[in-house]
Amino acid sequence: MANQLLADGSFHVLLGARSSEKGQAAVAELQSRNLPGTVELLHLDVADEHSVIAAAKLVEEKHGR
Protein backbone atom coordinates (compact mmCIF):
# COMPACT_ATOMS: atom_id res chain seq x y z
CA MET A 1 0.00 0.00 0.00
CA ALA A 2 2.77 2.43 0.94
CA ASN A 3 4.52 1.74 -2.36
CA GLN A 4 1.37 2.59 -4.33
CA LEU A 5 0.80 5.81 -2.41
CA LEU A 6 4.42 6.88 -2.84
CA ALA A 7 4.32 6.10 -6.54
CA ASP A 8 1.43 8.56 -6.92
CA GLY A 9 3.74 11.35 -5.81
CA SER A 10 1.18 13.47 -4.01
CA PHE A 11 1.26 11.63 -0.69
CA HIS A 12 3.36 11.75 2.46
CA VAL A 13 3.12 8.29 4.02
CA LEU A 14 3.38 7.68 7.75
CA LEU A 15 4.58 4.11 8.02
CA GLY A 16 3.52 2.66 11.36
CA ALA A 17 5.70 -0.03 12.89
CA ARG A 18 6.07 -1.65 16.32
CA SER A 19 9.75 -2.31 15.76
CA SER A 20 11.95 0.72 15.11
CA GLU A 21 14.56 -1.49 13.41
CA LYS A 22 12.08 -3.14 11.05
CA GLY A 23 10.33 0.17 10.43
CA GLN A 24 13.59 1.90 9.53
CA ALA A 25 14.45 -0.96 7.19
CA ALA A 26 11.05 -0.65 5.50
CA VAL A 27 11.44 3.13 5.14
CA ALA A 28 14.94 2.72 3.70
CA GLU A 29 13.72 0.10 1.25
CA LEU A 30 10.87 2.34 0.08
CA GLN A 31 13.18 5.34 -0.24
CA SER A 32 15.63 3.28 -2.30
CA ARG A 33 12.94 2.97 -4.99
CA ASN A 34 13.18 6.73 -5.64
CA LEU A 35 9.42 7.13 -5.76
CA PRO A 36 8.09 10.70 -5.91
CA GLY A 37 6.20 10.60 -2.59
CA THR A 38 7.72 10.91 0.88
CA VAL A 39 7.70 8.49 3.79
CA GLU A 40 8.50 8.69 7.48
CA LEU A 41 8.48 6.17 10.29
CA LEU A 42 5.84 6.39 13.00
CA HIS A 43 6.47 4.16 16.01
CA LEU A 44 3.09 2.54 16.65
CA ASP A 45 1.84 -0.59 18.38
CA VAL A 46 -1.92 -0.77 17.81
CA ALA A 47 -2.25 -3.30 20.63
CA ASP A 48 -0.91 -0.74 23.14
CA GLU A 49 -3.29 2.11 23.96
CA HIS A 50 -0.44 4.34 25.17
CA SER A 51 1.42 3.82 21.90
CA VAL A 52 -1.67 4.77 19.89
CA ILE A 53 -2.23 7.92 21.96
CA ALA A 54 1.44 8.92 21.66
CA ALA A 55 1.41 8.34 17.89
CA ALA A 56 -1.78 10.39 17.47
CA LYS A 57 -0.28 13.24 19.50
CA LEU A 58 2.93 13.19 17.45
CA VAL A 59 1.01 13.22 14.16
CA GLU A 60 -1.12 16.13 15.32
CA GLU A 61 1.95 18.08 16.47
CA LYS A 62 3.95 17.46 13.28
CA HIS A 63 1.17 17.48 10.71
CA GLY A 64 -1.70 19.38 12.31
CA ARG A 65 -4.19 16.53 12.08
PDB file of N, CA and C in Angstrom:
ATOM      1  N   MET A   1       0.823  -1.185   0.000  1.00  0.00           N
ATOM      2  CA  MET A   1       0.000   0.000   0.000  1.00  0.00           C
ATOM      3  C   MET A   1       0.872   1.255   0.000  1.00  0.00           C
ATOM      4  N   ALA A   2       1.885   1.265   0.872  1.00  0.00           N
ATOM      5  CA  ALA A   2       2.769   2.431   0.941  1.00  0.00           C
ATOM      6  C   ALA A   2       3.448   2.675  -0.399  1.00  0.00           C
ATOM      7  N   ASN A   3       3.871   1.619  -1.057  1.00  0.00           N
ATOM      8  CA  ASN A   3       4.523   1.743  -2.357  1.00  0.00           C
ATOM      9  C   ASN A   3       3.589   2.408  -3.364  1.00  0.00           C
ATOM     10  N   GLN A   4       2.334   2.009  -3.398  1.00  0.00           N
ATOM     11  CA  GLN A   4       1.365   2.586  -4.335  1.00  0.00           C
ATOM     12  C   GLN A   4       1.127   4.063  -4.040  1.00  0.00           C
ATOM     13  N   LEU A   5       1.014   4.413  -2.759  1.00  0.00           N
ATOM     14  CA  LEU A   5       0.805   5.813  -2.406  1.00  0.00           C
ATOM     15  C   LEU A   5       2.021   6.666  -2.764  1.00  0.00           C
ATOM     16  N   LEU A   6       3.205   6.142  -2.505  1.00  0.00           N
ATOM     17  CA  LEU A   6       4.418   6.877  -2.835  1.00  0.00           C
ATOM     18  C   LEU A   6       4.591   7.033  -4.337  1.00  0.00           C
ATOM     19  N   ALA A   7       4.199   6.042  -5.085  1.00  0.00           N
ATOM     20  CA  ALA A   7       4.318   6.096  -6.539  1.00  0.00           C
ATOM     21  C   ALA A   7       3.437   7.188  -7.127  1.00  0.00           C
ATOM     22  N   ASP A   8       2.326   7.499  -6.458  1.00  0.00           N
ATOM     23  CA  ASP A   8       1.432   8.556  -6.924  1.00  0.00           C
ATOM     24  C   ASP A   8       2.120   9.913  -6.889  1.00  0.00           C
ATOM     25  N   GLY A   9       2.965  10.122  -5.891  1.00  0.00           N
ATOM     26  CA  GLY A   9       3.735  11.350  -5.811  1.00  0.00           C
ATOM     27  C   GLY A   9       3.094  12.486  -5.043  1.00  0.00           C
ATOM     28  N   SER A  10       1.838  12.372  -4.718  1.00  0.00           N
ATOM     29  CA  SER A  10       1.182  13.474  -4.008  1.00  0.00           C
ATOM     30  C   SER A  10       0.920  13.144  -2.544  1.00  0.00           C
ATOM     31  N   PHE A  11       1.506  12.057  -2.058  1.00  0.00           N
ATOM     32  CA  PHE A  11       1.258  11.626  -0.686  1.00  0.00           C
ATOM     33  C   PHE A  11       2.530  11.637   0.155  1.00  0.00           C
ATOM     34  N   HIS A  12       2.332  11.926   1.437  1.00  0.00           N
ATOM     35  CA  HIS A  12       3.360  11.751   2.458  1.00  0.00           C
ATOM     36  C   HIS A  12       2.857  10.609   3.330  1.00  0.00           C
ATOM     37  N   VAL A  13       3.563   9.501   3.332  1.00  0.00           N
ATOM     38  CA  VAL A  13       3.121   8.287   4.016  1.00  0.00           C
ATOM     39  C   VAL A  13       3.751   8.198   5.402  1.00  0.00           C
ATOM     40  N   LEU A  14       2.909   7.979   6.399  1.00  0.00           N
ATOM     41  CA  LEU A  14       3.377   7.683   7.745  1.00  0.00           C
ATOM     42  C   LEU A  14       3.334   6.169   7.889  1.00  0.00           C
ATOM     43  N   LEU A  15       4.491   5.554   7.948  1.00  0.00           N
ATOM     44  CA  LEU A  15       4.584   4.108   8.016  1.00  0.00           C
ATOM     45  C   LEU A  15       4.644   3.689   9.479  1.00  0.00           C
ATOM     46  N   GLY A  16       3.577   3.102   9.977  1.00  0.00           N
ATOM     47  CA  GLY A  16       3.521   2.662  11.362  1.00  0.00           C
ATOM     48  C   GLY A  16       4.192   1.318  11.551  1.00  0.00           C
ATOM     49  N   ALA A  17       4.998   1.221  12.607  1.00  0.00           N
ATOM     50  CA  ALA A  17       5.696  -0.029  12.893  1.00  0.00           C
ATOM     51  C   ALA A  17       5.920  -0.163  14.392  1.00  0.00           C
ATOM     52  N   ARG A  18       5.773  -1.383  14.907  1.00  0.00           N
ATOM     53  CA  ARG A  18       6.071  -1.648  16.324  1.00  0.00           C
ATOM     54  C   ARG A  18       7.563  -1.649  16.572  1.00  0.00           C
ATOM     55  N   SER A  19       8.305  -2.190  15.626  1.00  0.00           N
ATOM     56  CA  SER A  19       9.754  -2.309  15.761  1.00  0.00           C
ATOM     57  C   SER A  19      10.438  -1.164  15.017  1.00  0.00           C
ATOM     58  N   SER A  20      11.219  -0.376  15.743  1.00  0.00           N
ATOM     59  CA  SER A  20      11.946   0.721  15.106  1.00  0.00           C
ATOM     60  C   SER A  20      12.913   0.197  14.045  1.00  0.00           C
ATOM     61  N   GLU A  21      13.592  -0.914  14.359  1.00  0.00           N
ATOM     62  CA  GLU A  21      14.556  -1.488  13.411  1.00  0.00           C
ATOM     63  C   GLU A  21      13.875  -1.928  12.121  1.00  0.00           C
ATOM     64  N   LYS A  22      12.779  -2.664  12.243  1.00  0.00           N
ATOM     65  CA  LYS A  22      12.077  -3.139  11.051  1.00  0.00           C
ATOM     66  C   LYS A  22      11.429  -1.974  10.310  1.00  0.00           C
ATOM     67  N   GLY A  23      10.922  -1.007  11.056  1.00  0.00           N
ATOM     68  CA  GLY A  23      10.326   0.165  10.430  1.00  0.00           C
ATOM     69  C   GLY A  23      11.339   0.967   9.642  1.00  0.00           C
ATOM     70  N   GLN A  24      12.527   1.182  10.234  1.00  0.00           N
ATOM     71  CA  GLN A  24      13.587   1.904   9.530  1.00  0.00           C
ATOM     72  C   GLN A  24      14.011   1.163   8.271  1.00  0.00           C
ATOM     73  N   ALA A  25      14.082  -0.157   8.362  1.00  0.00           N
ATOM     74  CA  ALA A  25      14.451  -0.958   7.187  1.00  0.00           C
ATOM     75  C   ALA A  25      13.402  -0.805   6.094  1.00  0.00           C
ATOM     76  N   ALA A  26      12.131  -0.803   6.477  1.00  0.00           N
ATOM     77  CA  ALA A  26      11.054  -0.647   5.496  1.00  0.00           C
ATOM     78  C   ALA A  26      11.098   0.739   4.858  1.00  0.00           C
ATOM     79  N   VAL A  27      11.337   1.765   5.669  1.00  0.00           N
ATOM     80  CA  VAL A  27      11.440   3.127   5.137  1.00  0.00           C
ATOM     81  C   VAL A  27      12.620   3.219   4.169  1.00  0.00           C
ATOM     82  N   ALA A  28      13.756   2.680   4.559  1.00  0.00           N
ATOM     83  CA  ALA A  28      14.944   2.718   3.701  1.00  0.00           C
ATOM     84  C   ALA A  28      14.688   1.995   2.387  1.00  0.00           C
ATOM     85  N   GLU A  29      14.012   0.859   2.462  1.00  0.00           N
ATOM     86  CA  GLU A  29      13.717   0.099   1.247  1.00  0.00           C
ATOM     87  C   GLU A  29      12.794   0.896   0.325  1.00  0.00           C
ATOM     88  N   LEU A  30      11.779   1.522   0.889  1.00  0.00           N
ATOM     89  CA  LEU A  30      10.867   2.338   0.076  1.00  0.00           C
ATOM     90  C   LEU A  30      11.597   3.537  -0.523  1.00  0.00           C
ATOM     91  N   GLN A  31      12.439   4.184   0.265  1.00  0.00           N
ATOM     92  CA  GLN A  31      13.183   5.339  -0.239  1.00  0.00           C
ATOM     93  C   GLN A  31      14.161   4.945  -1.332  1.00  0.00           C
ATOM     94  N   SER A  32      14.679   3.725  -1.290  1.00  0.00           N
ATOM     95  CA  SER A  32      15.628   3.278  -2.305  1.00  0.00           C
ATOM     96  C   SER A  32      14.976   3.135  -3.681  1.00  0.00           C
ATOM     97  N   ARG A  33      13.665   3.089  -3.711  1.00  0.00           N
ATOM     98  CA  ARG A  33      12.942   2.972  -4.986  1.00  0.00           C
ATOM     99  C   ARG A  33      12.812   4.304  -5.709  1.00  0.00           C
ATOM    100  N   ASN A  34      13.222   5.384  -5.042  1.00  0.00           N
ATOM    101  CA  ASN A  34      13.178   6.727  -5.640  1.00  0.00           C
ATOM    102  C   ASN A  34      11.792   7.090  -6.169  1.00  0.00           C
ATOM    103  N   LEU A  35      10.781   6.772  -5.393  1.00  0.00           N
ATOM    104  CA  LEU A  35       9.417   7.131  -5.762  1.00  0.00           C
ATOM    105  C   LEU A  35       9.189   8.604  -5.431  1.00  0.00           C
ATOM    106  N   PRO A  36       8.258   9.260  -6.109  1.00  0.00           N
ATOM    107  CA  PRO A  36       8.094  10.704  -5.912  1.00  0.00           C
ATOM    108  C   PRO A  36       7.476  11.131  -4.577  1.00  0.00           C
ATOM    109  N   GLY A  37       6.779  10.257  -3.884  1.00  0.00           N
ATOM    110  CA  GLY A  37       6.197  10.603  -2.586  1.00  0.00           C
ATOM    111  C   GLY A  37       7.235  10.560  -1.483  1.00  0.00           C
ATOM    112  N   THR A  38       6.815  10.927  -0.269  1.00  0.00           N
ATOM    113  CA  THR A  38       7.720  10.911   0.878  1.00  0.00           C
ATOM    114  C   THR A  38       7.169   9.979   1.948  1.00  0.00           C
ATOM    115  N   VAL A  39       8.090   9.459   2.752  1.00  0.00           N
ATOM    116  CA  VAL A  39       7.704   8.494   3.786  1.00  0.00           C
ATOM    117  C   VAL A  39       8.480   8.782   5.061  1.00  0.00           C
ATOM    118  N   GLU A  40       7.820   8.584   6.194  1.00  0.00           N
ATOM    119  CA  GLU A  40       8.502   8.686   7.484  1.00  0.00           C
ATOM    120  C   GLU A  40       7.977   7.594   8.403  1.00  0.00           C
ATOM    121  N   LEU A  41       8.821   7.214   9.337  1.00  0.00           N
ATOM    122  CA  LEU A  41       8.484   6.169  10.287  1.00  0.00           C
ATOM    123  C   LEU A  41       7.684   6.744  11.447  1.00  0.00           C
ATOM    124  N   LEU A  42       6.647   6.039  11.837  1.00  0.00           N
ATOM    125  CA  LEU A  42       5.840   6.388  13.003  1.00  0.00           C
ATOM    126  C   LEU A  42       5.811   5.169  13.901  1.00  0.00           C
ATOM    127  N   HIS A  43       6.455   5.287  15.076  1.00  0.00           N
ATOM    128  CA  HIS A  43       6.466   4.162  16.006  1.00  0.00           C
ATOM    129  C   HIS A  43       5.049   3.977  16.521  1.00  0.00           C
ATOM    130  N   LEU A  44       4.482   2.781  16.315  1.00  0.00           N
ATOM    131  CA  LEU A  44       3.086   2.540  16.653  1.00  0.00           C
ATOM    132  C   LEU A  44       2.850   1.058  16.896  1.00  0.00           C
ATOM    133  N   ASP A  45       2.277   0.770  18.058  1.00  0.00           N
ATOM    134  CA  ASP A  45       1.838  -0.591  18.384  1.00  0.00           C
ATOM    135  C   ASP A  45       0.344  -0.500  18.646  1.00  0.00           C
ATOM    136  N   VAL A  46      -0.466  -0.935  17.694  1.00  0.00           N
ATOM    137  CA  VAL A  46      -1.918  -0.774  17.810  1.00  0.00           C
ATOM    138  C   VAL A  46      -2.512  -1.592  18.946  1.00  0.00           C
ATOM    139  N   ALA A  47      -1.761  -2.515  19.501  1.00  0.00           N
ATOM    140  CA  ALA A  47      -2.246  -3.305  20.630  1.00  0.00           C
ATOM    141  C   ALA A  47      -1.969  -2.610  21.972  1.00  0.00           C
ATOM    142  N   ASP A  48      -1.278  -1.483  21.931  1.00  0.00           N
ATOM    143  CA  ASP A  48      -0.907  -0.744  23.139  1.00  0.00           C
ATOM    144  C   ASP A  48      -1.562   0.635  23.097  1.00  0.00           C
ATOM    145  N   GLU A  49      -2.535   0.849  23.963  1.00  0.00           N
ATOM    146  CA  GLU A  49      -3.291   2.110  23.963  1.00  0.00           C
ATOM    147  C   GLU A  49      -2.375   3.324  24.111  1.00  0.00           C
ATOM    148  N   HIS A  50      -1.362   3.221  24.962  1.00  0.00           N
ATOM    149  CA  HIS A  50      -0.444   4.344  25.170  1.00  0.00           C
ATOM    150  C   HIS A  50       0.342   4.656  23.895  1.00  0.00           C
ATOM    151  N   SER A  51       0.711   3.633  23.157  1.00  0.00           N
ATOM    152  CA  SER A  51       1.418   3.822  21.902  1.00  0.00           C
ATOM    153  C   SER A  51       0.534   4.530  20.882  1.00  0.00           C
ATOM    154  N   VAL A  52      -0.722   4.152  20.826  1.00  0.00           N
ATOM    155  CA  VAL A  52      -1.671   4.770  19.894  1.00  0.00           C
ATOM    156  C   VAL A  52      -1.866   6.247  20.247  1.00  0.00           C
ATOM    157  N   ILE A  53      -2.037   6.536  21.518  1.00  0.00           N
ATOM    158  CA  ILE A  53      -2.225   7.922  21.963  1.00  0.00           C
ATOM    159  C   ILE A  53      -0.981   8.751  21.655  1.00  0.00           C
ATOM    160  N   ALA A  54       0.190   8.209  21.931  1.00  0.00           N
ATOM    161  CA  ALA A  54       1.442   8.920  21.660  1.00  0.00           C
ATOM    162  C   ALA A  54       1.618   9.173  20.164  1.00  0.00           C
ATOM    163  N   ALA A  55       1.292   8.188  19.340  1.00  0.00           N
ATOM    164  CA  ALA A  55       1.407   8.343  17.888  1.00  0.00           C
ATOM    165  C   ALA A  55       0.446   9.411  17.386  1.00  0.00           C
ATOM    166  N   ALA A  56      -0.780   9.390  17.888  1.00  0.00           N
ATOM    167  CA  ALA A  56      -1.779  10.386  17.474  1.00  0.00           C
ATOM    168  C   ALA A  56      -1.318  11.790  17.854  1.00  0.00           C
ATOM    169  N   LYS A  57      -0.768  11.947  19.039  1.00  0.00           N
ATOM    170  CA  LYS A  57      -0.280  13.243  19.501  1.00  0.00           C
ATOM    171  C   LYS A  57       0.872  13.728  18.614  1.00  0.00           C
ATOM    172  N   LEU A  58       1.791  12.834  18.302  1.00  0.00           N
ATOM    173  CA  LEU A  58       2.926  13.186  17.446  1.00  0.00           C
ATOM    174  C   LEU A  58       2.465  13.610  16.058  1.00  0.00           C
ATOM    175  N   VAL A  59       1.522  12.876  15.493  1.00  0.00           N
ATOM    176  CA  VAL A  59       1.014  13.223  14.160  1.00  0.00           C
ATOM    177  C   VAL A  59       0.348  14.586  14.188  1.00  0.00           C
ATOM    178  N   GLU A  60      -0.453  14.830  15.224  1.00  0.00           N
ATOM    179  CA  GLU A  60      -1.116  16.133  15.321  1.00  0.00           C
ATOM    180  C   GLU A  60      -0.104  17.265  15.464  1.00  0.00           C
ATOM    181  N   GLU A  61       0.933  17.053  16.269  1.00  0.00           N
ATOM    182  CA  GLU A  61       1.951  18.082  16.467  1.00  0.00           C
ATOM    183  C   GLU A  61       2.743  18.365  15.191  1.00  0.00           C
ATOM    184  N   LYS A  62       3.109  17.293  14.479  1.00  0.00           N
ATOM    185  CA  LYS A  62       3.951  17.458  13.280  1.00  0.00           C
ATOM    186  C   LYS A  62       3.159  17.826  12.039  1.00  0.00           C
ATOM    187  N   HIS A  63       1.913  17.350  11.957  1.00  0.00           N
ATOM    188  CA  HIS A  63       1.167  17.483  10.710  1.00  0.00           C
ATOM    189  C   HIS A  63      -0.157  18.226  10.866  1.00  0.00           C
ATOM    190  N   GLY A  64      -0.513  18.583  12.083  1.00  0.00           N
ATOM    191  CA  GLY A  64      -1.703  19.376  12.306  1.00  0.00           C
ATOM    192  C   GLY A  64      -3.023  18.640  12.223  1.00  0.00           C
ATOM    193  N   ARG A  65      -2.960  17.338  12.115  1.00  0.00           N
ATOM    194  CA  ARG A  65      -4.186  16.533  12.084  1.00  0.00           C
ATOM    195  C   ARG A  65      -3.877  15.088  12.334  1.00  0.00           C
TER     196      ARG A  65
END
